[in-house]
Amino acid sequence: MLPRDSRSVTLNYSRALASALHSMGKELPPSALEILTDIDQQERVPMERQEQLWKCLADCHSDPLLGVRLGRAIQASQLGLVGYLLMTQKNLGEAIDQLLQYHPLVGEGGQFELRRGGQHVDLCYLPNYVCCAQLRVETVLSACLTQIRDMTGGQMRVHSLQLAYPAPSLAVQQQYQAELQVPVQFGAAVSAIRLRPEHLGAPLVAADNQVMNRLQPEADALLKSLNNKSLQLRVAHLLQQEPQLTREQVASRLCMSPRHLGRRLTEENASFREIQDEIRSQYACQWLTEGSRNNAEIAAALGYCDESAFGKAFRRWKGMSPKAWRISSR
């Protein structure tokens, strides 16, 4: 059995979503109000509760640009310590470096990466969730885009926003570009904000070295506390981010040998195979139910060499073929 998901988000982020919705003139559904009341005294919100909040918002508001508009309405100051830490850096490049390191303090639902190309630099966001994925990814990247503009004094024009989702109708695409004031490319390999290399040197209007130096130790302590989890949870977290990873790759990420990884998991009455199967099974069932990927695409995303190998694994998990599961879930 997969250990209980210990990932969480800061209460500040949950509150920022509610505040953003209010500023947009949209009502918070009663079910969402119940969740916010329930979590109001917690510093960290369990991922399960946060996903329930996302589902409430998605079910109540059918606006295809909901994520974009939520992100635009979120302010850096609403994100607490991390927001202030980013704002007080010397330039955009240093702020992004801080984001790469400290983003789990805001939320552990995904990870940021900076990928450099010859003519551009991509600030990528890689979600490790399937619930309301597009809505959440667009909220995160829209918020980042808004903060980039605000932190640099509103003058910067990024190259584009890349979204790893199918293109909507032309009319909706035009709404995206009008709302964000930046070219939006759908069907990208990964969702990202595309910058020009020179953008990284842009100075920040609220740069303050003294304030930044006071905030850093607190951020380090919080991050250390957040990372102090059992090995099986750390393995599960990596596989939730990248379910195609092998035992050897996970061991490498954790700076240990595959054999040592196996021994440590055995000490916790767990095994790599059990954790891997549970996570792959969850992703496979979700994708089959959604119907957005065919079996070959699911097999590749989960790290199987071909569709046949995936089919055998799925029968072992569920006692039926992927096709039968897809039909039964309709």
Protein backbone atom coordinates (compact mmCIF):
# COMPACT_ATOMS: atom_id res chain seq x y z
CA MET A 1 0.00 0.00 0.00
CA LEU A 2 1.37 3.41 -0.98
CA PRO A 3 2.09 5.58 2.07
CA ARG A 4 -0.39 8.40 2.60
CA ASP A 5 0.40 11.42 0.44
CA SER A 6 2.28 13.78 2.76
CA ARG A 7 2.56 16.61 0.24
CA SER A 8 1.05 19.93 1.15
CA VAL A 9 0.70 23.58 0.19
CA THR A 10 0.94 26.67 2.33
CA LEU A 11 -2.34 28.01 3.66
CA ASN A 12 -1.33 31.35 2.11
CA TYR A 13 -1.76 29.83 -1.36
CA SER A 14 -5.23 28.47 -0.61
CA ARG A 15 -6.25 31.85 0.75
CA ALA A 16 -4.71 33.63 -2.25
CA LEU A 17 -6.92 31.57 -4.58
CA ALA A 18 -10.03 32.55 -2.63
CA SER A 19 -8.97 36.21 -2.61
CA ALA A 20 -8.23 36.11 -6.34
CA LEU A 21 -11.66 34.65 -7.09
CA HIS A 22 -13.29 37.39 -5.01
CA SER A 23 -11.33 40.13 -6.81
CA MET A 24 -12.58 38.70 -10.12
CA GLY A 25 -16.17 39.19 -8.97
CA LYS A 26 -16.79 35.43 -8.79
CA GLU A 27 -18.44 33.70 -5.86
CA LEU A 28 -16.68 31.08 -3.81
CA PRO A 29 -18.90 27.97 -3.84
CA PRO A 30 -20.26 26.84 -0.44
CA SER A 31 -18.29 23.59 -0.64
CA ALA A 32 -15.08 25.59 -1.08
CA LEU A 33 -15.99 27.82 1.86
CA GLU A 34 -16.38 24.71 4.01
CA ILE A 35 -12.90 23.53 3.03
CA LEU A 36 -11.34 26.93 3.72
CA THR A 37 -13.03 27.06 7.13
CA ASP A 38 -11.77 23.57 7.91
CA ILE A 39 -8.14 24.38 7.03
CA ASP A 40 -8.08 27.92 8.42
CA GLN A 41 -5.94 27.10 11.47
CA GLN A 42 -3.35 25.04 9.58
CA GLU A 43 -0.01 26.36 8.36
CA ARG A 44 0.15 23.63 5.70
CA VAL A 45 -2.84 22.27 3.80
CA PRO A 46 -2.77 18.53 2.94
CA MET A 47 -2.69 17.97 -0.82
CA GLU A 48 -5.90 15.94 -0.63
CA ARG A 49 -7.79 18.92 0.80
CA GLN A 50 -6.19 21.32 -1.66
CA GLU A 51 -7.30 19.12 -4.56
CA GLN A 52 -10.84 19.10 -3.17
CA LEU A 53 -10.69 22.90 -3.25
CA TRP A 54 -9.56 22.85 -6.88
CA LYS A 55 -12.39 20.49 -7.81
CA CYS A 56 -14.92 22.82 -6.18
CA LEU A 57 -13.61 25.78 -8.18
CA ALA A 58 -13.53 23.83 -11.44
CA ASP A 59 -17.04 22.43 -10.97
CA CYS A 60 -18.54 25.80 -10.08
CA HIS A 61 -16.85 27.96 -12.73
CA SER A 62 -16.69 26.77 -16.34
CA ASP A 63 -14.61 29.72 -17.58
CA PRO A 64 -11.89 28.25 -19.88
CA LEU A 65 -9.55 31.05 -18.76
CA LEU A 66 -10.20 30.57 -15.03
CA GLY A 67 -6.60 29.55 -14.30
CA VAL A 68 -5.14 32.46 -16.26
CA ARG A 69 -7.38 34.94 -14.46
CA LEU A 70 -6.74 33.46 -11.03
CA GLY A 71 -2.99 33.68 -11.60
CA ARG A 72 -3.18 37.28 -12.71
CA ALA A 73 -5.04 38.21 -9.52
CA ILE A 74 -2.51 36.59 -7.14
CA GLN A 75 0.05 38.96 -5.60
CA ALA A 76 3.54 37.95 -4.47
CA SER A 77 2.89 39.31 -0.98
CA GLN A 78 0.02 36.81 -0.61
CA LEU A 79 2.51 33.94 -0.87
CA GLY A 80 4.21 34.87 2.39
CA LEU A 81 7.90 34.22 2.97
CA VAL A 82 8.69 32.93 -0.52
CA GLY A 83 6.95 35.86 -2.18
CA TYR A 84 9.00 38.38 -0.20
CA LEU A 85 12.20 36.38 -0.72
CA LEU A 86 11.75 36.55 -4.49
CA MET A 87 10.87 40.25 -4.54
CA THR A 88 14.00 41.28 -2.62
CA GLN A 89 16.53 39.61 -4.95
CA LYS A 90 18.90 41.73 -7.04
CA ASN A 91 17.63 40.65 -10.47
CA LEU A 92 15.20 38.29 -12.17
CA GLY A 93 17.77 35.53 -12.60
CA GLU A 94 18.45 35.44 -8.86
CA ALA A 95 14.72 35.48 -8.13
CA ILE A 96 14.25 32.47 -10.40
CA ASP A 97 17.12 30.69 -8.63
CA GLN A 98 15.28 31.23 -5.33
CA LEU A 99 12.04 29.95 -6.87
CA LEU A 100 13.76 26.77 -8.04
CA GLN A 101 15.01 26.13 -4.51
CA TYR A 102 12.13 27.25 -2.31
CA HIS A 103 8.96 26.63 -4.36
CA PRO A 104 8.04 23.55 -2.24
CA LEU A 105 7.33 25.97 0.61
CA VAL A 106 4.45 27.34 -1.47
CA GLY A 107 3.31 23.94 -2.74
CA GLU A 108 4.64 20.45 -3.36
CA GLY A 109 2.33 19.74 -6.28
CA GLY A 110 4.95 20.27 -8.98
CA GLN A 111 8.48 21.38 -9.66
CA PHE A 112 10.17 24.20 -11.52
CA GLU A 113 13.14 23.82 -13.86
CA LEU A 114 15.17 26.35 -15.84
CA ARG A 115 16.06 25.03 -19.31
CA ARG A 116 18.47 27.05 -21.43
CA GLY A 117 18.42 27.07 -25.23
CA GLY A 118 20.48 29.00 -27.75
CA GLN A 119 18.02 31.86 -28.15
CA HIS A 120 15.79 31.49 -25.10
CA VAL A 121 15.48 30.36 -21.50
CA ASP A 122 12.41 28.39 -20.37
CA LEU A 123 11.08 28.55 -16.83
CA CYS A 124 9.29 25.19 -16.89
CA TYR A 125 6.61 23.97 -14.51
CA LEU A 126 6.21 20.19 -14.26
CA PRO A 127 3.04 19.11 -12.41
CA ASN A 128 2.98 15.86 -10.45
CA TYR A 129 -0.79 15.67 -10.28
CA VAL A 130 -3.66 14.80 -12.61
CA CYS A 131 -6.58 16.44 -10.76
CA CYS A 132 -7.58 19.70 -12.54
CA ALA A 133 -4.10 19.69 -14.05
CA GLN A 134 -4.54 22.29 -16.80
CA LEU A 135 -6.39 24.68 -14.51
CA ARG A 136 -3.67 24.45 -11.87
CA VAL A 137 -0.75 24.70 -14.30
CA GLU A 138 -2.24 27.77 -15.96
CA THR A 139 -2.83 29.37 -12.56
CA VAL A 140 0.79 28.80 -11.52
CA LEU A 141 2.33 30.07 -14.76
CA SER A 142 -0.04 33.03 -15.02
CA ALA A 143 0.89 33.98 -11.44
CA CYS A 144 4.59 33.66 -12.27
CA LEU A 145 4.16 35.77 -15.40
CA THR A 146 2.35 38.45 -13.39
CA GLN A 147 5.06 38.47 -10.70
CA ILE A 148 7.83 38.72 -13.31
CA ARG A 149 6.18 41.84 -14.68
CA ASP A 150 5.49 43.36 -11.27
CA MET A 151 8.97 42.64 -9.88
CA THR A 152 10.65 44.24 -12.90
CA GLY A 153 8.48 47.35 -12.88
CA GLY A 154 5.96 46.27 -15.49
CA GLN A 155 8.22 46.90 -18.47
CA MET A 156 9.33 43.38 -19.35
CA ARG A 157 7.73 41.56 -22.29
CA VAL A 158 8.54 37.87 -22.14
CA HIS A 159 8.94 35.90 -25.36
CA SER A 160 5.88 33.64 -24.93
CA LEU A 161 3.88 31.32 -22.73
CA GLN A 162 4.20 27.64 -23.69
CA LEU A 163 1.33 25.32 -22.69
CA ALA A 164 1.53 21.54 -22.97
CA TYR A 165 -2.18 21.21 -23.73
CA PRO A 166 -4.19 20.95 -26.96
CA ALA A 167 -5.10 24.23 -28.61
CA PRO A 168 -8.68 25.39 -27.92
CA SER A 169 -10.79 27.18 -30.52
CA LEU A 170 -9.27 30.18 -32.26
CA ALA A 171 -11.62 32.49 -30.35
CA VAL A 172 -10.45 31.12 -27.00
CA GLN A 173 -6.80 31.33 -28.09
CA GLN A 174 -7.34 35.01 -28.81
CA GLN A 175 -8.80 35.43 -25.31
CA TYR A 176 -5.66 33.89 -23.80
CA GLN A 177 -3.44 36.33 -25.65
CA ALA A 178 -5.66 39.31 -24.85
CA GLU A 179 -5.72 38.40 -21.15
CA LEU A 180 -2.01 37.70 -20.82
CA GLN A 181 -0.69 40.22 -23.36
CA VAL A 182 1.88 37.68 -24.53
CA PRO A 183 1.99 35.12 -27.38
CA VAL A 184 0.60 31.77 -26.19
CA GLN A 185 1.70 28.53 -27.85
CA PHE A 186 -0.35 25.39 -27.22
CA GLY A 187 0.80 21.81 -27.76
CA ALA A 188 4.26 22.52 -26.33
CA ALA A 189 6.44 19.71 -24.99
CA VAL A 190 6.33 21.25 -21.52
CA SER A 191 4.46 24.16 -19.97
CA ALA A 192 6.80 27.10 -19.48
CA ILE A 193 7.39 30.84 -19.55
CA ARG A 194 9.85 31.49 -22.36
CA LEU A 195 12.31 34.30 -21.66
CA ARG A 196 15.20 35.80 -23.54
CA PRO A 197 18.64 35.26 -21.92
CA GLU A 198 19.06 38.98 -21.29
CA HIS A 199 15.86 39.03 -19.23
CA LEU A 200 17.65 37.23 -16.39
CA GLY A 201 19.73 40.32 -15.69
CA ALA A 202 16.72 42.62 -15.32
CA PRO A 203 16.88 44.45 -11.94
CA LEU A 204 14.02 44.07 -9.47
CA VAL A 205 12.30 47.21 -8.22
CA ALA A 206 12.05 45.97 -4.60
CA ALA A 207 15.59 44.56 -4.34
CA ASP A 208 16.79 44.72 -0.73
CA ASN A 209 19.86 42.74 0.28
CA GLN A 210 19.36 43.28 4.02
CA VAL A 211 15.78 42.02 4.01
CA MET A 212 16.74 39.09 1.79
CA ASN A 213 19.52 38.08 4.21
CA ARG A 214 17.05 38.10 7.11
CA LEU A 215 14.53 35.95 5.24
CA GLN A 216 16.96 33.33 3.92
CA PRO A 217 17.69 31.48 7.22
CA GLU A 218 13.97 31.13 7.95
CA ALA A 219 13.34 29.76 4.46
CA ASP A 220 16.21 27.27 4.86
CA ALA A 221 14.85 26.03 8.18
CA LEU A 222 11.33 25.58 6.81
CA LEU A 223 12.62 23.75 3.74
CA LYS A 224 14.71 21.40 5.88
CA SER A 225 11.68 20.60 8.01
CA LEU A 226 9.54 19.99 4.93
CA ASN A 227 12.11 17.60 3.45
CA ASN A 228 12.43 15.54 6.63
CA LYS A 229 10.25 12.65 5.44
CA SER A 230 10.55 8.88 5.31
CA LEU A 231 12.43 7.35 2.40
CA GLN A 232 9.33 5.69 0.96
CA LEU A 233 7.58 9.07 0.85
CA ARG A 234 10.59 10.61 -0.90
CA VAL A 235 10.56 7.76 -3.44
CA ALA A 236 6.81 8.17 -3.95
CA HIS A 237 7.24 11.92 -4.42
CA LEU A 238 9.84 11.39 -7.15
CA LEU A 239 7.68 8.83 -8.94
CA GLN A 240 4.62 11.06 -8.71
CA GLN A 241 6.64 13.72 -10.51
CA GLU A 242 8.10 11.32 -13.08
CA PRO A 243 6.37 7.91 -13.08
CA GLN A 244 8.67 6.60 -15.81
CA LEU A 245 11.75 6.64 -13.54
CA THR A 246 13.53 3.33 -12.94
CA ARG A 247 14.89 2.03 -9.64
CA GLU A 248 18.40 3.06 -10.71
CA GLN A 249 17.30 6.57 -11.64
CA VAL A 250 15.43 7.08 -8.37
CA ALA A 251 18.43 5.82 -6.39
CA SER A 252 20.67 8.25 -8.27
CA ARG A 253 18.32 11.16 -7.48
CA LEU A 254 18.53 10.20 -3.81
CA CYS A 255 22.35 9.90 -3.95
CA MET A 256 22.48 6.20 -3.04
CA SER A 257 22.99 2.88 -4.79
CA PRO A 258 19.99 0.81 -5.94
CA ARG A 259 20.97 -1.90 -3.43
CA HIS A 260 21.12 0.58 -0.55
CA LEU A 261 17.76 2.00 -1.64
CA GLY A 262 16.26 -1.48 -1.50
CA ARG A 263 17.67 -2.15 1.97
CA ARG A 264 16.43 1.17 3.35
CA LEU A 265 12.93 0.58 1.96
CA THR A 266 12.88 -2.93 3.45
CA GLU A 267 13.67 -1.39 6.85
CA GLU A 268 10.47 0.68 6.40
CA ASN A 269 8.50 -2.46 5.39
CA ALA A 270 8.19 -1.18 1.83
CA SER A 271 9.58 -2.04 -1.59
CA PHE A 272 10.34 -0.02 -4.69
CA ARG A 273 8.18 -2.30 -6.85
CA GLU A 274 5.11 -1.81 -4.62
CA ILE A 275 5.47 1.98 -4.59
CA GLN A 276 6.10 2.10 -8.34
CA ASP A 277 3.14 -0.16 -9.15
CA GLU A 278 0.77 1.85 -6.96
CA ILE A 279 1.70 5.16 -8.56
CA ARG A 280 1.72 3.83 -12.12
CA SER A 281 -1.65 2.20 -11.50
CA GLN A 282 -3.11 5.49 -10.26
CA TYR A 283 -1.85 7.41 -13.28
CA ALA A 284 -2.97 4.69 -15.72
CA CYS A 285 -6.51 4.56 -14.32
CA GLN A 286 -6.80 8.34 -14.34
CA TRP A 287 -5.60 8.66 -17.94
CA LEU A 288 -7.79 5.79 -19.14
CA THR A 289 -10.82 7.35 -17.47
CA GLU A 290 -10.08 10.78 -18.95
CA GLY A 291 -9.60 9.26 -22.41
CA SER A 292 -7.02 11.90 -23.35
CA ARG A 293 -4.23 9.38 -24.13
CA ASN A 294 -4.20 6.09 -25.99
CA ASN A 295 -2.57 2.95 -24.57
CA ALA A 296 0.71 3.48 -26.40
CA GLU A 297 1.01 7.02 -25.02
CA ILE A 298 0.22 5.84 -21.50
CA ALA A 299 2.78 3.03 -21.79
CA ALA A 300 5.49 5.51 -22.83
CA ALA A 301 4.58 8.01 -20.10
CA LEU A 302 4.81 5.28 -17.45
CA GLY A 303 8.16 3.96 -18.67
CA TYR A 304 7.09 0.71 -20.37
CA CYS A 305 8.97 -0.46 -23.45
CA ASP A 306 5.76 -1.04 -25.40
CA GLU A 307 1.98 -1.27 -25.18
CA SER A 308 2.08 -5.03 -24.55
CA ALA A 309 4.23 -4.66 -21.42
CA PHE A 310 1.86 -2.01 -20.10
CA GLY A 311 -1.14 -4.26 -20.79
CA LYS A 312 0.40 -7.13 -18.80
CA ALA A 313 1.16 -4.84 -15.88
CA PHE A 314 -2.35 -3.39 -15.92
CA ARG A 315 -3.94 -6.85 -15.85
CA ARG A 316 -1.77 -7.67 -12.83
CA TRP A 317 -2.99 -4.52 -11.06
CA LYS A 318 -6.67 -4.58 -11.94
CA GLY A 319 -7.47 -8.05 -13.22
CA MET A 320 -8.66 -6.71 -16.58
CA SER A 321 -7.26 -5.15 -19.74
CA PRO A 322 -6.82 -1.37 -20.17
CA LYS A 323 -9.59 -1.47 -22.79
CA ALA A 324 -12.00 -3.16 -20.40
CA TRP A 325 -11.16 -0.62 -17.69
CA ARG A 326 -11.71 2.29 -20.07
CA ILE A 327 -15.16 0.91 -21.01
CA SER A 328 -16.16 0.18 -17.41
CA SER A 329 -15.21 3.69 -16.25
CA ARG A 330 -17.54 5.44 -18.71
